Amino acid sequence: MRGLLIAFEGLDQSGKQTQAELLRDRLVEAGRLVRLLSFPAYNTHIGEELGKALQGDRNYGPDVMQLLYVANRYELKPDITRELERGTVVICDRYMASSVAYGEGQGLDAAWLIDMQKQLPQPDLTVLLDIAPDVSARRKTADRDKYERDLALLARVRNSYLHQAATGWVRVDADRDRAAVAAEVWAAVQARLT
């Protein structure tokens, strides 16, 4: 079986990690090889730098932040490529579209953000777990990073995600019970597995 690259996108607290883990477990039960990745990958040098920036220990502009996010994905490109060649289903909790959404939300050019990621493995399926910014804020009230605290930014990010999703993504209303969301995600993934 050939590998499949599935990306979960959406605002913080939309359930990306939860749904990625539920999907991983279901695919493993179905006998598939699965690798779950989360971006940023904080266990790399660039990922460590991103963590410091998100906590306010670094003061980078939006362009530098997006370059770091993209570089963090390129750090794992060999792993992703190898897994896909083995037939593994690679599930990403955030991937390329996050840079477009957050970068565009901060006034960066979407074409530039897309272009610099063209050499990364492209998703076979992107799932947008769609929630409103106020839902994100309500789901996590403490220890929010600088992006999570800016509801106006999150509104622009959501608009970018919705615009991107119109290109053929699966958009799921994530302001519902996690089991209902998981069922909709599973149906979308099954359609790609055949």
N, C-alpha and C. Protein backbone atom coordinates (compact mmCIF):
# COMPACT_ATOMS: atom_id res chain seq x y z
N MET A 1 0.85 -1.19 0.00
CA MET A 1 0.00 0.00 0.00
C MET A 1 0.88 1.24 0.00
N ARG A 2 0.44 2.24 -0.72
CA ARG A 2 1.22 3.47 -0.74
C ARG A 2 0.90 4.29 0.50
N GLY A 3 1.84 5.12 0.88
CA GLY A 3 1.65 5.98 2.03
C GLY A 3 0.66 7.08 1.74
N LEU A 4 0.26 7.74 2.78
CA LEU A 4 -0.70 8.84 2.68
C LEU A 4 -0.29 9.90 3.68
N LEU A 5 -0.31 11.14 3.25
CA LEU A 5 0.03 12.27 4.13
C LEU A 5 -1.25 13.04 4.43
N ILE A 6 -1.61 13.04 5.70
CA ILE A 6 -2.84 13.70 6.16
C ILE A 6 -2.45 14.84 7.09
N ALA A 7 -2.94 16.04 6.79
CA ALA A 7 -2.65 17.20 7.63
C ALA A 7 -3.92 17.68 8.32
N PHE A 8 -3.82 17.88 9.63
CA PHE A 8 -4.89 18.51 10.38
C PHE A 8 -4.54 19.98 10.57
N GLU A 9 -5.45 20.87 10.21
CA GLU A 9 -5.24 22.30 10.35
C GLU A 9 -6.40 22.89 11.13
N GLY A 10 -6.17 24.08 11.68
CA GLY A 10 -7.21 24.78 12.42
C GLY A 10 -6.60 25.63 13.51
N LEU A 11 -7.44 26.45 14.10
CA LEU A 11 -7.00 27.31 15.19
C LEU A 11 -6.56 26.47 16.38
N ASP A 12 -5.81 27.09 17.28
CA ASP A 12 -5.45 26.43 18.52
C ASP A 12 -6.73 26.03 19.25
N GLN A 13 -6.68 24.87 19.87
CA GLN A 13 -7.80 24.31 20.63
C GLN A 13 -8.95 23.81 19.76
N SER A 14 -8.69 23.62 18.47
CA SER A 14 -9.74 23.10 17.59
C SER A 14 -9.85 21.58 17.67
N GLY A 15 -8.91 20.93 18.36
CA GLY A 15 -8.96 19.49 18.53
C GLY A 15 -8.01 18.74 17.60
N LYS A 16 -7.05 19.44 17.03
CA LYS A 16 -6.12 18.80 16.08
C LYS A 16 -5.38 17.63 16.70
N GLN A 17 -4.80 17.83 17.86
CA GLN A 17 -4.05 16.75 18.50
C GLN A 17 -4.96 15.57 18.84
N THR A 18 -6.10 15.87 19.42
CA THR A 18 -7.06 14.82 19.79
C THR A 18 -7.49 14.02 18.57
N GLN A 19 -7.87 14.72 17.50
CA GLN A 19 -8.35 14.02 16.31
C GLN A 19 -7.22 13.26 15.61
N ALA A 20 -6.02 13.84 15.61
CA ALA A 20 -4.87 13.15 15.01
C ALA A 20 -4.59 11.85 15.76
N GLU A 21 -4.66 11.90 17.08
CA GLU A 21 -4.41 10.69 17.89
C GLU A 21 -5.52 9.66 17.70
N LEU A 22 -6.77 10.10 17.65
CA LEU A 22 -7.88 9.17 17.42
C LEU A 22 -7.76 8.50 16.05
N LEU A 23 -7.38 9.29 15.05
CA LEU A 23 -7.21 8.73 13.71
C LEU A 23 -6.04 7.74 13.69
N ARG A 24 -4.94 8.11 14.32
CA ARG A 24 -3.79 7.20 14.41
C ARG A 24 -4.23 5.86 14.99
N ASP A 25 -4.93 5.90 16.11
CA ASP A 25 -5.35 4.67 16.79
C ASP A 25 -6.25 3.82 15.89
N ARG A 26 -7.15 4.49 15.19
CA ARG A 26 -8.08 3.75 14.32
C ARG A 26 -7.35 3.12 13.14
N LEU A 27 -6.38 3.84 12.58
CA LEU A 27 -5.61 3.29 11.46
C LEU A 27 -4.73 2.13 11.91
N VAL A 28 -4.16 2.23 13.10
CA VAL A 28 -3.34 1.13 13.63
C VAL A 28 -4.23 -0.11 13.82
N GLU A 29 -5.43 0.09 14.35
CA GLU A 29 -6.38 -1.03 14.51
C GLU A 29 -6.72 -1.66 13.17
N ALA A 30 -6.71 -0.85 12.11
CA ALA A 30 -7.02 -1.35 10.76
C ALA A 30 -5.80 -1.99 10.10
N GLY A 31 -4.67 -2.02 10.83
CA GLY A 31 -3.49 -2.70 10.32
C GLY A 31 -2.53 -1.84 9.51
N ARG A 32 -2.70 -0.53 9.57
CA ARG A 32 -1.82 0.37 8.80
C ARG A 32 -0.63 0.81 9.65
N LEU A 33 0.50 1.03 8.98
CA LEU A 33 1.63 1.69 9.61
C LEU A 33 1.30 3.17 9.71
N VAL A 34 1.54 3.78 10.87
CA VAL A 34 1.17 5.18 11.07
C VAL A 34 2.29 5.90 11.81
N ARG A 35 2.54 7.13 11.39
CA ARG A 35 3.48 8.01 12.10
C ARG A 35 2.77 9.32 12.34
N LEU A 36 2.73 9.76 13.58
CA LEU A 36 2.09 11.02 13.96
C LEU A 36 3.17 12.05 14.24
N LEU A 37 3.08 13.19 13.56
CA LEU A 37 4.01 14.30 13.76
C LEU A 37 3.23 15.53 14.18
N SER A 38 3.85 16.34 15.00
CA SER A 38 3.25 17.59 15.43
C SER A 38 4.21 18.72 15.12
N PHE A 39 3.68 19.76 14.48
CA PHE A 39 4.49 20.94 14.17
C PHE A 39 3.97 22.15 14.92
N PRO A 40 4.88 22.97 15.46
CA PRO A 40 6.32 22.81 15.38
C PRO A 40 6.80 21.56 16.12
N ALA A 41 7.88 20.98 15.59
CA ALA A 41 8.55 19.86 16.24
C ALA A 41 9.60 20.47 17.17
N TYR A 42 9.27 20.56 18.44
CA TYR A 42 10.12 21.27 19.41
C TYR A 42 11.39 20.50 19.76
N ASN A 43 11.52 19.24 19.30
CA ASN A 43 12.69 18.44 19.65
C ASN A 43 13.86 18.64 18.68
N THR A 44 13.79 19.66 17.83
CA THR A 44 14.89 19.99 16.93
C THR A 44 15.46 21.35 17.35
N HIS A 45 16.61 21.71 16.80
CA HIS A 45 17.20 23.00 17.14
C HIS A 45 16.29 24.16 16.72
N ILE A 46 15.76 24.08 15.53
CA ILE A 46 14.85 25.14 15.07
C ILE A 46 13.57 25.12 15.89
N GLY A 47 13.09 23.93 16.22
CA GLY A 47 11.91 23.83 17.06
C GLY A 47 12.10 24.44 18.44
N GLU A 48 13.28 24.24 19.01
CA GLU A 48 13.59 24.87 20.31
C GLU A 48 13.53 26.39 20.19
N GLU A 49 14.07 26.92 19.11
CA GLU A 49 14.05 28.37 18.90
C GLU A 49 12.61 28.88 18.74
N LEU A 50 11.79 28.12 18.04
CA LEU A 50 10.39 28.49 17.90
C LEU A 50 9.68 28.51 19.26
N GLY A 51 9.95 27.53 20.08
CA GLY A 51 9.37 27.49 21.41
C GLY A 51 9.72 28.72 22.23
N LYS A 52 10.98 29.13 22.15
CA LYS A 52 11.41 30.33 22.87
C LYS A 52 10.69 31.57 22.34
N ALA A 53 10.53 31.64 21.02
CA ALA A 53 9.85 32.80 20.43
C ALA A 53 8.38 32.84 20.84
N LEU A 54 7.73 31.69 20.87
CA LEU A 54 6.31 31.66 21.23
C LEU A 54 6.08 32.02 22.69
N GLN A 55 7.08 31.77 23.53
CA GLN A 55 6.95 32.12 24.94
C GLN A 55 7.42 33.55 25.23
N GLY A 56 7.86 34.25 24.19
CA GLY A 56 8.25 35.65 24.36
C GLY A 56 9.72 35.85 24.69
N ASP A 57 10.54 34.80 24.64
CA ASP A 57 11.96 34.92 24.92
C ASP A 57 12.75 35.42 23.71
N ARG A 58 12.14 35.45 22.55
CA ARG A 58 12.73 35.98 21.33
C ARG A 58 11.72 36.93 20.71
N ASN A 59 12.22 37.90 19.95
CA ASN A 59 11.33 38.88 19.34
C ASN A 59 11.57 38.92 17.84
N TYR A 60 11.03 37.93 17.12
CA TYR A 60 11.17 37.85 15.67
C TYR A 60 9.93 38.45 15.00
N GLY A 61 10.14 39.01 13.83
CA GLY A 61 9.02 39.49 13.03
C GLY A 61 8.27 38.32 12.42
N PRO A 62 7.07 38.58 11.87
CA PRO A 62 6.27 37.51 11.28
C PRO A 62 6.99 36.76 10.17
N ASP A 63 7.79 37.46 9.36
CA ASP A 63 8.49 36.78 8.27
C ASP A 63 9.53 35.80 8.80
N VAL A 64 10.27 36.20 9.82
CA VAL A 64 11.28 35.31 10.40
C VAL A 64 10.60 34.11 11.07
N MET A 65 9.51 34.36 11.75
CA MET A 65 8.79 33.25 12.39
C MET A 65 8.34 32.22 11.35
N GLN A 66 7.79 32.69 10.24
CA GLN A 66 7.32 31.74 9.23
C GLN A 66 8.48 31.02 8.56
N LEU A 67 9.60 31.71 8.38
CA LEU A 67 10.78 31.03 7.85
C LEU A 67 11.24 29.92 8.80
N LEU A 68 11.17 30.18 10.09
CA LEU A 68 11.54 29.16 11.08
C LEU A 68 10.55 27.99 11.06
N TYR A 69 9.26 28.30 10.99
CA TYR A 69 8.25 27.22 10.93
C TYR A 69 8.49 26.33 9.71
N VAL A 70 8.72 26.97 8.57
CA VAL A 70 8.94 26.20 7.34
C VAL A 70 10.24 25.39 7.45
N ALA A 71 11.30 26.02 7.96
CA ALA A 71 12.57 25.30 8.13
C ALA A 71 12.39 24.10 9.06
N ASN A 72 11.55 24.23 10.08
CA ASN A 72 11.28 23.13 10.99
C ASN A 72 10.64 21.96 10.25
N ARG A 73 9.78 22.24 9.29
CA ARG A 73 9.18 21.17 8.49
C ARG A 73 10.23 20.52 7.58
N TYR A 74 11.09 21.36 7.00
CA TYR A 74 12.15 20.81 6.15
C TYR A 74 13.11 19.93 6.95
N GLU A 75 13.28 20.23 8.24
CA GLU A 75 14.13 19.36 9.07
C GLU A 75 13.60 17.92 9.07
N LEU A 76 12.28 17.77 9.01
CA LEU A 76 11.67 16.44 9.07
C LEU A 76 11.30 15.89 7.70
N LYS A 77 11.59 16.64 6.64
CA LYS A 77 11.26 16.18 5.29
C LYS A 77 11.83 14.79 4.99
N PRO A 78 13.11 14.50 5.30
CA PRO A 78 13.62 13.15 5.00
C PRO A 78 12.83 12.05 5.71
N ASP A 79 12.44 12.29 6.96
CA ASP A 79 11.66 11.30 7.70
C ASP A 79 10.29 11.09 7.05
N ILE A 80 9.63 12.19 6.69
CA ILE A 80 8.30 12.10 6.08
C ILE A 80 8.39 11.33 4.76
N THR A 81 9.36 11.69 3.94
CA THR A 81 9.53 11.04 2.64
C THR A 81 9.79 9.55 2.81
N ARG A 82 10.66 9.19 3.72
CA ARG A 82 10.99 7.79 3.97
C ARG A 82 9.75 7.01 4.43
N GLU A 83 8.99 7.59 5.34
CA GLU A 83 7.79 6.92 5.84
C GLU A 83 6.75 6.72 4.73
N LEU A 84 6.55 7.74 3.91
CA LEU A 84 5.59 7.61 2.81
C LEU A 84 6.01 6.51 1.84
N GLU A 85 7.31 6.43 1.57
CA GLU A 85 7.82 5.39 0.66
C GLU A 85 7.63 3.99 1.24
N ARG A 86 7.60 3.87 2.57
CA ARG A 86 7.37 2.58 3.24
C ARG A 86 5.90 2.19 3.25
N GLY A 87 5.02 3.12 2.86
CA GLY A 87 3.59 2.84 2.90
C GLY A 87 2.92 3.34 4.16
N THR A 88 3.62 4.12 4.93
CA THR A 88 3.10 4.64 6.19
C THR A 88 2.09 5.76 5.95
N VAL A 89 1.06 5.80 6.78
CA VAL A 89 0.17 6.96 6.81
C VAL A 89 0.80 7.95 7.78
N VAL A 90 1.20 9.10 7.27
CA VAL A 90 1.82 10.14 8.08
C VAL A 90 0.73 11.17 8.39
N ILE A 91 0.50 11.36 9.68
CA ILE A 91 -0.51 12.31 10.14
C ILE A 91 0.21 13.48 10.77
N CYS A 92 -0.09 14.69 10.30
CA CYS A 92 0.54 15.90 10.84
C CYS A 92 -0.47 16.75 11.58
N ASP A 93 -0.15 17.04 12.82
CA ASP A 93 -0.90 18.02 13.62
C ASP A 93 -0.26 19.36 13.28
N ARG A 94 -0.85 20.05 12.33
CA ARG A 94 -0.36 21.25 11.66
C ARG A 94 0.65 20.85 10.59
N TYR A 95 0.60 21.61 9.49
CA TYR A 95 1.59 21.37 8.44
C TYR A 95 1.72 22.65 7.63
N MET A 96 1.81 22.56 6.35
CA MET A 96 2.14 23.71 5.50
C MET A 96 1.12 24.84 5.58
N ALA A 97 -0.14 24.51 5.61
CA ALA A 97 -1.18 25.53 5.57
C ALA A 97 -1.16 26.45 6.78
N SER A 98 -0.59 25.99 7.89
CA SER A 98 -0.50 26.85 9.07
C SER A 98 0.35 28.09 8.79
N SER A 99 1.45 27.89 8.06
CA SER A 99 2.28 29.05 7.73
C SER A 99 1.53 30.03 6.84
N VAL A 100 0.76 29.51 5.91
CA VAL A 100 -0.02 30.39 5.04
C VAL A 100 -1.06 31.14 5.87
N ALA A 101 -1.79 30.43 6.72
CA ALA A 101 -2.86 31.05 7.50
C ALA A 101 -2.33 32.08 8.49
N TYR A 102 -1.34 31.69 9.29
CA TYR A 102 -0.82 32.61 10.30
C TYR A 102 -0.01 33.72 9.66
N GLY A 103 0.75 33.40 8.61
CA GLY A 103 1.51 34.43 7.91
C GLY A 103 0.60 35.43 7.24
N GLU A 104 -0.39 34.93 6.53
CA GLU A 104 -1.35 35.81 5.87
C GLU A 104 -2.11 36.64 6.89
N GLY A 105 -2.41 36.04 8.03
CA GLY A 105 -3.09 36.76 9.11
C GLY A 105 -2.26 37.91 9.66
N GLN A 106 -0.95 37.84 9.44
CA GLN A 106 -0.05 38.90 9.89
C GLN A 106 0.45 39.77 8.74
N GLY A 107 -0.21 39.67 7.59
CA GLY A 107 0.09 40.56 6.48
C GLY A 107 1.15 40.06 5.50
N LEU A 108 1.59 38.81 5.63
CA LEU A 108 2.57 38.28 4.69
C LEU A 108 1.88 37.79 3.42
N ASP A 109 2.65 37.70 2.36
CA ASP A 109 2.14 37.30 1.06
C ASP A 109 1.92 35.79 1.01
N ALA A 110 0.70 35.38 0.74
CA ALA A 110 0.37 33.95 0.71
C ALA A 110 1.17 33.21 -0.36
N ALA A 111 1.37 33.84 -1.52
CA ALA A 111 2.11 33.18 -2.60
C ALA A 111 3.54 32.87 -2.17
N TRP A 112 4.18 33.79 -1.45
CA TRP A 112 5.54 33.56 -0.94
C TRP A 112 5.55 32.39 0.03
N LEU A 113 4.56 32.36 0.92
CA LEU A 113 4.48 31.30 1.93
C LEU A 113 4.24 29.93 1.29
N ILE A 114 3.47 29.90 0.22
CA ILE A 114 3.21 28.65 -0.50
C ILE A 114 4.46 28.23 -1.27
N ASP A 115 5.08 29.18 -1.95
CA ASP A 115 6.22 28.89 -2.82
C ASP A 115 7.38 28.27 -2.04
N MET A 116 7.67 28.78 -0.86
CA MET A 116 8.83 28.27 -0.12
C MET A 116 8.62 26.85 0.41
N GLN A 117 7.39 26.35 0.32
CA GLN A 117 7.09 25.01 0.82
C GLN A 117 6.85 24.00 -0.30
N LYS A 118 7.09 24.40 -1.54
CA LYS A 118 6.79 23.52 -2.68
C LYS A 118 7.62 22.24 -2.69
N GLN A 119 8.78 22.24 -2.07
CA GLN A 119 9.64 21.05 -2.08
C GLN A 119 9.34 20.09 -0.93
N LEU A 120 8.39 20.44 -0.09
CA LEU A 120 7.95 19.53 0.97
C LEU A 120 6.97 18.52 0.40
N PRO A 121 6.88 17.33 0.99
CA PRO A 121 5.83 16.40 0.56
C PRO A 121 4.46 17.06 0.74
N GLN A 122 3.64 16.99 -0.29
CA GLN A 122 2.34 17.65 -0.27
C GLN A 122 1.29 16.73 0.35
N PRO A 123 0.36 17.29 1.11
CA PRO A 123 -0.68 16.46 1.73
C PRO A 123 -1.59 15.81 0.69
N ASP A 124 -1.97 14.57 0.97
CA ASP A 124 -3.00 13.90 0.17
C ASP A 124 -4.39 14.32 0.63
N LEU A 125 -4.47 14.69 1.89
CA LEU A 125 -5.73 15.12 2.49
C LEU A 125 -5.43 16.15 3.56
N THR A 126 -6.13 17.27 3.50
CA THR A 126 -6.03 18.27 4.56
C THR A 126 -7.41 18.40 5.19
N VAL A 127 -7.45 18.28 6.51
CA VAL A 127 -8.70 18.39 7.26
C VAL A 127 -8.65 19.67 8.08
N LEU A 128 -9.59 20.57 7.81
CA LEU A 128 -9.71 21.79 8.60
C LEU A 128 -10.71 21.55 9.71
N LEU A 129 -10.22 21.58 10.95
CA LEU A 129 -11.10 21.50 12.12
C LEU A 129 -11.48 22.94 12.45
N ASP A 130 -12.65 23.33 12.01
CA ASP A 130 -13.06 24.73 12.04
C ASP A 130 -13.79 25.10 13.32
N ILE A 131 -13.23 26.08 14.02
CA ILE A 131 -13.90 26.70 15.17
C ILE A 131 -13.71 28.21 15.08
N ALA A 132 -14.55 28.94 15.77
CA ALA A 132 -14.43 30.40 15.83
C ALA A 132 -13.37 30.78 16.87
N PRO A 133 -12.76 31.96 16.74
CA PRO A 133 -11.75 32.38 17.70
C PRO A 133 -12.23 32.40 19.15
N ASP A 134 -13.48 32.78 19.37
CA ASP A 134 -13.97 32.82 20.75
C ASP A 134 -14.08 31.41 21.35
N VAL A 135 -14.32 30.42 20.50
CA VAL A 135 -14.34 29.03 20.98
C VAL A 135 -12.93 28.62 21.40
N SER A 136 -11.94 29.01 20.60
CA SER A 136 -10.54 28.72 20.95
C SER A 136 -10.20 29.32 22.31
N ALA A 137 -10.59 30.58 22.52
CA ALA A 137 -10.29 31.26 23.79
C ALA A 137 -11.01 30.60 24.96
N ARG A 138 -12.22 30.15 24.73
CA ARG A 138 -13.01 29.53 25.80
C ARG A 138 -12.43 28.16 26.18
N ARG A 139 -11.87 27.45 25.22
CA ARG A 139 -11.34 26.12 25.50
C ARG A 139 -10.01 26.15 26.25
N LYS A 140 -9.29 27.25 26.15
CA LYS A 140 -8.02 27.37 26.87
C LYS A 140 -7.93 28.78 27.42
N THR A 141 -8.03 28.89 28.73
CA THR A 141 -8.06 30.22 29.33
C THR A 141 -6.74 30.64 29.94
N ALA A 142 -5.84 29.70 30.19
CA ALA A 142 -4.56 30.03 30.82
C ALA A 142 -3.40 29.60 29.93
N ASP A 143 -2.26 30.21 30.15
CA ASP A 143 -1.02 29.85 29.45
C ASP A 143 -1.16 29.90 27.93
N ARG A 144 -1.87 30.90 27.44
CA ARG A 144 -2.02 31.07 26.00
C ARG A 144 -0.78 31.79 25.46
N ASP A 145 -0.24 31.30 24.30
CA ASP A 145 0.92 31.97 23.71
C ASP A 145 0.48 33.25 23.01
N LYS A 146 1.44 33.96 22.43
CA LYS A 146 1.13 35.29 21.88
C LYS A 146 0.11 35.24 20.76
N TYR A 147 0.08 34.15 19.99
CA TYR A 147 -0.93 34.04 18.93
C TYR A 147 -2.30 33.72 19.52
N GLU A 148 -2.33 32.86 20.51
CA GLU A 148 -3.59 32.44 21.10
C GLU A 148 -4.32 33.59 21.80
N ARG A 149 -3.58 34.59 22.24
CA ARG A 149 -4.19 35.72 22.96
C ARG A 149 -4.78 36.76 22.03
N ASP A 150 -4.43 36.75 20.76
CA ASP A 150 -4.82 37.78 19.81
C ASP A 150 -6.03 37.31 18.99
N LEU A 151 -7.25 37.63 19.48
CA LEU A 151 -8.46 37.14 18.82
C LEU A 151 -8.66 37.75 17.44
N ALA A 152 -8.22 38.99 17.23
CA ALA A 152 -8.33 39.60 15.91
C ALA A 152 -7.44 38.85 14.92
N LEU A 153 -6.24 38.50 15.34
CA LEU A 153 -5.36 37.70 14.49
C LEU A 153 -6.01 36.36 14.19
N LEU A 154 -6.56 35.71 15.21
CA LEU A 154 -7.17 34.40 14.99
C LEU A 154 -8.35 34.48 14.01
N ALA A 155 -9.06 35.59 14.01
CA ALA A 155 -10.15 35.76 13.03
C ALA A 155 -9.59 35.82 11.61
N ARG A 156 -8.47 36.53 11.43
CA ARG A 156 -7.84 36.60 10.10
C ARG A 156 -7.29 35.23 9.70
N VAL A 157 -6.71 34.53 10.67
CA VAL A 157 -6.18 33.19 10.41
C VAL A 157 -7.31 32.26 9.97
N ARG A 158 -8.42 32.32 10.67
CA ARG A 158 -9.56 31.46 10.31
C ARG A 158 -10.03 31.77 8.89
N ASN A 159 -10.09 33.07 8.55
CA ASN A 159 -10.51 33.44 7.19
C ASN A 159 -9.56 32.85 6.15
N SER A 160 -8.26 32.87 6.43
CA SER A 160 -7.29 32.28 5.51
C SER A 160 -7.52 30.78 5.39
N TYR A 161 -7.74 30.12 6.53
CA TYR A 161 -8.00 28.68 6.49
C TYR A 161 -9.24 28.37 5.64
N LEU A 162 -10.30 29.14 5.84
CA LEU A 162 -11.53 28.89 5.09
C LEU A 162 -11.30 29.10 3.59
N HIS A 163 -10.53 30.11 3.25
CA HIS A 163 -10.19 30.37 1.84
C HIS A 163 -9.39 29.20 1.27
N GLN A 164 -8.39 28.73 2.02
CA GLN A 164 -7.58 27.60 1.57
C GLN A 164 -8.41 26.32 1.45
N ALA A 165 -9.32 26.14 2.39
CA ALA A 165 -10.14 24.92 2.41
C ALA A 165 -11.01 24.80 1.17
N ALA A 166 -11.33 25.92 0.55
CA ALA A 166 -12.17 25.91 -0.65
C ALA A 166 -11.47 25.24 -1.84
N THR A 167 -10.17 24.93 -1.69
CA THR A 167 -9.42 24.30 -2.78
C THR A 167 -9.53 22.77 -2.76
N GLY A 168 -10.39 22.23 -1.92
CA GLY A 168 -10.59 20.78 -1.92
C GLY A 168 -10.30 20.09 -0.60
N TRP A 169 -10.14 20.85 0.46
CA TRP A 169 -9.94 20.25 1.77
C TRP A 169 -11.27 19.68 2.29
N VAL A 170 -11.18 18.95 3.38
CA VAL A 170 -12.36 18.53 4.12
C VAL A 170 -12.50 19.48 5.30
N ARG A 171 -13.61 20.21 5.34
CA ARG A 171 -13.87 21.14 6.44
C ARG A 171 -14.85 20.47 7.40
N VAL A 172 -14.45 20.42 8.68
CA VAL A 172 -15.26 19.76 9.70
C VAL A 172 -15.59 20.79 10.78
N ASP A 173 -16.86 20.87 11.14
CA ASP A 173 -17.27 21.73 12.25
C ASP A 173 -16.76 21.08 13.53
N ALA A 174 -15.74 21.69 14.13
CA ALA A 174 -15.09 21.08 15.30
C ALA A 174 -15.67 21.59 16.62
N ASP A 175 -16.72 22.38 16.56
CA ASP A 175 -17.38 22.85 17.79
C ASP A 175 -18.51 21.88 18.12
N ARG A 176 -18.16 20.60 18.16
CA ARG A 176 -19.11 19.52 18.44
C ARG A 176 -18.41 18.47 19.28
N ASP A 177 -19.16 17.46 19.64
CA ASP A 177 -18.64 16.32 20.39
C ASP A 177 -17.49 15.68 19.60
N ARG A 178 -16.42 15.32 20.30
CA ARG A 178 -15.23 14.77 19.62
C ARG A 178 -15.53 13.49 18.85
N ALA A 179 -16.49 12.69 19.32
CA ALA A 179 -16.83 11.46 18.60
C ALA A 179 -17.48 11.77 17.26
N ALA A 180 -18.32 12.79 17.22
CA ALA A 180 -18.96 13.18 15.95
C ALA A 180 -17.93 13.71 14.98
N VAL A 181 -16.98 14.50 15.49
CA VAL A 181 -15.90 15.01 14.65
C VAL A 181 -15.06 13.85 14.13
N ALA A 182 -14.71 12.92 15.01
CA ALA A 182 -13.88 11.77 14.62
C ALA A 182 -14.56 10.93 13.56
N ALA A 183 -15.87 10.76 13.65
CA ALA A 183 -16.61 9.97 12.66
C ALA A 183 -16.54 10.63 11.28
N GLU A 184 -16.65 11.94 11.25
CA GLU A 184 -16.58 12.66 9.98
C GLU A 184 -15.16 12.60 9.40
N VAL A 185 -14.17 12.72 10.27
CA VAL A 185 -12.78 12.61 9.82
C VAL A 185 -12.52 11.21 9.26
N TRP A 186 -12.97 10.17 9.96
CA TRP A 186 -12.74 8.80 9.52
C TRP A 186 -13.38 8.54 8.16
N ALA A 187 -14.57 9.06 7.94
CA ALA A 187 -15.23 8.88 6.65
C ALA A 187 -14.41 9.52 5.52
N ALA A 188 -13.84 10.69 5.78
CA ALA A 188 -13.01 11.38 4.78
C ALA A 188 -11.73 10.60 4.50
N VAL A 189 -11.13 10.04 5.55
CA VAL A 189 -9.89 9.29 5.38
C VAL A 189 -10.15 7.98 4.65
N GLN A 190 -11.23 7.29 5.00
CA GLN A 190 -11.56 6.02 4.33
C GLN A 190 -11.71 6.22 2.83
N ALA A 191 -12.26 7.34 2.42
CA ALA A 191 -12.45 7.61 0.99
C ALA A 191 -11.10 7.73 0.28
N ARG A 192 -10.06 8.12 1.00
CA ARG A 192 -8.71 8.26 0.41
C ARG A 192 -7.91 6.96 0.48
N LEU A 193 -8.28 6.07 1.36
CA LEU A 193 -7.52 4.84 1.55
C LEU A 193 -7.80 3.79 0.48
N THR A 194 -8.91 3.90 -0.20
CA THR A 194 -9.28 2.87 -1.19
C THR A 194 -8.62 3.10 -2.51
